[in-house]
Protein backbone atom coordinates (compact mmCIF):
# COMPACT_ATOMS: atom_id res chain seq x y z
CA MET A 1 -23.05 8.51 41.98
CA HIS A 2 -20.88 9.32 44.96
CA PRO A 3 -18.66 12.43 44.42
CA THR A 4 -15.52 10.43 45.25
CA LEU A 5 -16.29 7.99 42.44
CA LYS A 6 -16.66 10.88 40.00
CA LYS A 7 -13.29 12.26 41.07
CA TYR A 8 -11.41 8.94 40.90
CA PRO A 9 -13.34 6.67 38.50
CA ASP A 10 -10.54 4.17 37.93
CA GLU A 11 -9.98 3.33 41.59
CA ILE A 12 -11.79 0.38 43.10
CA LEU A 13 -13.15 1.04 46.54
CA GLU A 14 -13.44 -1.86 48.91
CA ALA A 15 -15.72 -1.59 51.89
CA GLN A 16 -17.04 -3.87 54.56
CA ASP A 17 -20.73 -4.04 55.35
CA GLU A 18 -20.25 -3.84 59.07
CA VAL A 19 -17.70 -2.10 61.21
CA THR A 20 -17.31 -3.53 64.67
CA LEU A 21 -16.13 -1.18 67.33
CA LYS A 22 -14.14 -2.40 70.26
CA ALA A 23 -14.89 -1.18 73.74
CA GLY A 24 -14.02 2.50 74.07
CA GLU A 25 -13.61 3.07 70.32
CA ASN A 26 -15.57 5.35 68.08
CA PHE A 27 -15.51 6.13 64.38
CA ASP A 28 -12.92 8.88 64.94
CA CYS A 29 -10.50 6.19 66.14
CA ILE A 30 -11.05 4.20 62.96
CA ALA A 31 -10.47 7.30 60.82
CA LEU A 32 -7.29 8.04 62.77
CA VAL A 33 -6.00 4.49 62.24
CA GLN A 34 -6.75 4.74 58.51
CA GLN A 35 -4.98 8.09 58.32
CA ARG A 36 -1.91 6.65 60.06
CA ALA A 37 -1.91 3.67 57.68
CA ARG A 38 -2.07 6.03 54.69
CA ARG A 39 0.85 8.07 56.08
CA ARG A 40 2.90 4.89 56.66
CA HIS A 41 2.21 3.82 53.09
CA GLN A 42 3.25 7.24 51.74
CA LEU A 43 6.43 7.20 53.85
CA ARG A 44 7.29 3.69 52.67
CA ALA A 45 6.76 4.71 49.04
CA LYS A 46 9.03 7.75 49.48
CA VAL A 47 11.74 5.66 51.13
CA GLU A 48 11.58 3.16 48.25
CA ARG A 49 11.90 5.99 45.75
CA VAL A 50 14.91 7.41 47.58
CA VAL A 51 16.56 3.96 47.61
CA TRP A 52 16.09 3.64 43.83
CA ILE A 53 17.53 7.13 43.32
CA LEU A 54 20.52 6.43 45.57
CA THR A 55 21.15 3.13 43.78
CA SER A 56 21.21 4.92 40.43
CA PHE A 57 23.49 7.61 41.83
CA CYS A 58 25.90 4.97 43.18
CA ILE A 59 25.96 3.18 39.81
CA ILE A 60 26.85 6.45 38.08
CA TYR A 61 29.31 7.62 40.75
CA TYR A 62 31.22 4.38 41.21
CA GLY A 63 31.07 3.21 37.58
CA ASP A 64 33.45 0.30 37.14
CA GLY A 65 35.03 0.77 40.57
CA SER A 66 37.95 2.90 39.50
CA VAL A 67 36.24 5.80 37.69
CA ASP A 68 32.69 7.04 37.41
CA LEU A 69 30.35 5.74 34.73
CA VAL A 70 30.47 8.87 32.56
CA THR A 71 34.28 8.82 32.40
CA ALA A 72 34.36 5.07 31.86
CA SER A 73 31.88 5.21 28.99
CA THR A 74 33.45 8.23 27.27
CA SER A 75 37.08 7.13 27.58
CA GLN A 76 36.69 4.02 25.46
CA SER A 77 38.20 4.28 22.01
CA GLY A 78 36.14 1.70 20.14
CA VAL A 79 32.71 3.32 20.48
CA LEU A 80 31.58 5.79 17.85
CA TRP A 81 29.81 8.99 18.81
CA SER A 82 26.79 7.78 16.86
CA TRP A 83 26.04 5.43 19.77
CA TYR A 84 25.79 8.45 22.07
CA VAL A 85 23.38 10.08 19.66
CA LEU A 86 21.43 6.82 19.44
CA ALA A 87 21.25 6.68 23.25
CA PHE A 88 20.43 10.30 24.08
CA LEU A 89 18.29 11.48 21.14
CA PRO A 90 15.36 9.14 21.96
CA ILE A 91 15.44 10.40 25.55
CA GLY A 92 15.00 13.94 24.23
CA ILE A 93 12.16 12.79 21.99
CA ASN A 94 10.49 11.07 24.96
CA MET A 95 10.77 14.27 26.98
CA TRP A 96 9.14 16.17 24.12
CA ILE A 97 6.33 13.58 23.96
CA MET A 98 5.79 13.89 27.73
CA CYS A 99 5.70 17.70 27.59
CA HIS A 100 3.27 17.52 24.66
CA LEU A 101 0.97 15.16 26.55
CA VAL A 102 1.05 17.34 29.67
CA ARG A 103 0.44 20.62 27.85
CA ARG A 104 -2.06 19.49 25.22
CA HIS A 105 -3.81 16.47 26.71
CA GLN A 106 -3.52 17.06 30.48
CA LEU A 107 -1.65 13.84 31.18
CA GLN A 108 -1.15 14.75 34.83
CA HIS A 109 -4.89 14.72 35.59
CA ARG A 110 -6.65 11.50 36.45
CA GLY A 111 -9.16 10.38 33.90
CA SER A 112 -7.61 12.34 31.05
CA ASN A 113 -8.23 10.68 27.71
CA TRP A 114 -4.72 11.24 26.39
CA SER A 115 -4.50 7.67 25.07
CA ARG A 116 -7.55 8.27 22.87
CA LYS A 117 -6.55 11.77 21.79
CA ALA A 118 -2.91 10.88 21.06
CA PRO A 119 -2.78 7.16 20.26
CA TRP A 120 0.64 7.60 18.64
CA ALA A 121 2.32 8.65 21.90
CA LEU A 122 2.67 5.30 23.63
CA PRO A 123 4.07 3.35 20.64
CA ALA A 124 6.43 6.20 19.74
CA SER A 125 7.65 6.47 23.32
CA SER A 126 8.13 2.70 23.54
CA ILE A 127 10.14 2.60 20.32
CA CYS A 128 12.30 5.49 21.55
CA GLY A 129 12.85 3.64 24.83
CA ILE A 130 13.94 0.47 23.05
CA ILE A 131 16.33 2.39 20.79
CA SER A 132 17.78 4.23 23.79
CA PHE A 133 18.14 0.95 25.69
CA ILE A 134 20.15 -0.53 22.80
CA GLY A 135 22.33 2.58 22.57
CA PHE A 136 23.13 2.60 26.28
CA ALA A 137 23.76 -1.15 26.20
CA LYS A 138 26.45 -0.60 23.58
CA LEU A 139 27.95 2.30 25.58
CA PHE A 140 28.03 0.47 28.92
CA TRP A 141 28.90 -3.02 27.66
CA HIS A 142 32.66 -2.68 28.13
CA VAL A 143 32.11 -1.39 31.68
CA TYR A 144 29.61 -3.96 32.99
CA GLY A 145 29.56 -6.82 30.50
CA TRP A 146 26.66 -9.23 30.89
CA ILE A 147 25.05 -7.30 33.75
CA THR A 148 24.59 -4.22 31.53
CA PRO A 149 20.82 -4.80 31.01
CA PHE A 150 20.28 -4.97 34.78
CA VAL A 151 22.31 -1.80 35.29
CA GLU A 152 20.21 -0.07 32.64
CA VAL A 153 16.99 -1.12 34.37
CA PHE A 154 18.27 0.18 37.72
CA LEU A 155 19.26 3.50 36.15
CA CYS A 156 15.94 3.82 34.34
CA ILE A 157 13.86 3.16 37.44
CA GLY A 158 16.03 5.53 39.48
CA PHE A 159 15.58 8.33 36.97
CA LEU A 160 11.83 7.69 36.83
CA MET A 161 11.63 7.92 40.62
CA ILE A 162 13.20 11.38 40.53
CA THR A 163 10.09 12.66 38.76
CA CYS A 164 7.97 11.75 41.80
CA PHE A 165 9.68 14.55 43.71
CA PHE A 166 8.89 17.27 41.16
CA PRO A 167 6.33 19.70 42.56
CA ASP A 168 2.86 19.87 41.03
CA VAL A 169 3.54 23.48 40.04
CA CYS A 170 5.77 22.24 37.21
CA PHE A 171 2.89 20.38 35.63
CA SER A 172 0.12 22.97 35.85
CA VAL A 173 -1.58 23.32 32.50
CA THR A 174 -2.88 26.85 32.83
CA LYS A 175 -1.72 29.79 34.85
CA GLY A 176 -3.08 29.74 38.37
CA ASP A 177 -3.92 26.02 38.58
CA HIS A 178 -1.34 25.55 41.30
CA LEU A 179 -2.95 28.38 43.31
CA LYS A 180 -6.35 26.64 43.33
CA LYS A 181 -4.77 23.75 45.21
CA TRP A 182 -3.35 26.04 47.88
CA ASN A 183 -6.44 28.23 48.26
CA SER A 184 -8.91 25.36 48.70
């Protein structure tokens, strides 16, 4: 088996049988074009992530148009503090689940069998997400009304995109793993 397939077993590689070279081209040109395409794709992905993050930031900062979202959701008198607990406690539980999967089951590595070793994690995280979604819907309903579910989706995706900018050092399982990357 090719070493690349061992390293990334879940990726499907597509290849053509023949590569036709134009006049004056060589295989280095093809590799350079592929490298440029990969860089364009990475840049596009980063720009999309930044747009999601900025959208979430604008939703929080501008809130209902007069005050920010935090002030607007905390200044209402009809909402009990139990809705805040219902919204934020599942987020904390999801963070604990993620840290557990990273530390114990090496979630950050490709091909890790975390879903077989911890089959409870995905259903528990999904239930926590649904509970948190309901809690935030109740908190934001008086601010946004019927567009509250869409606002929640935008905020969720924006916060998920922030994690793409965390360095790999934060997710190293054992001491010195991050140094192997730099030394090789």
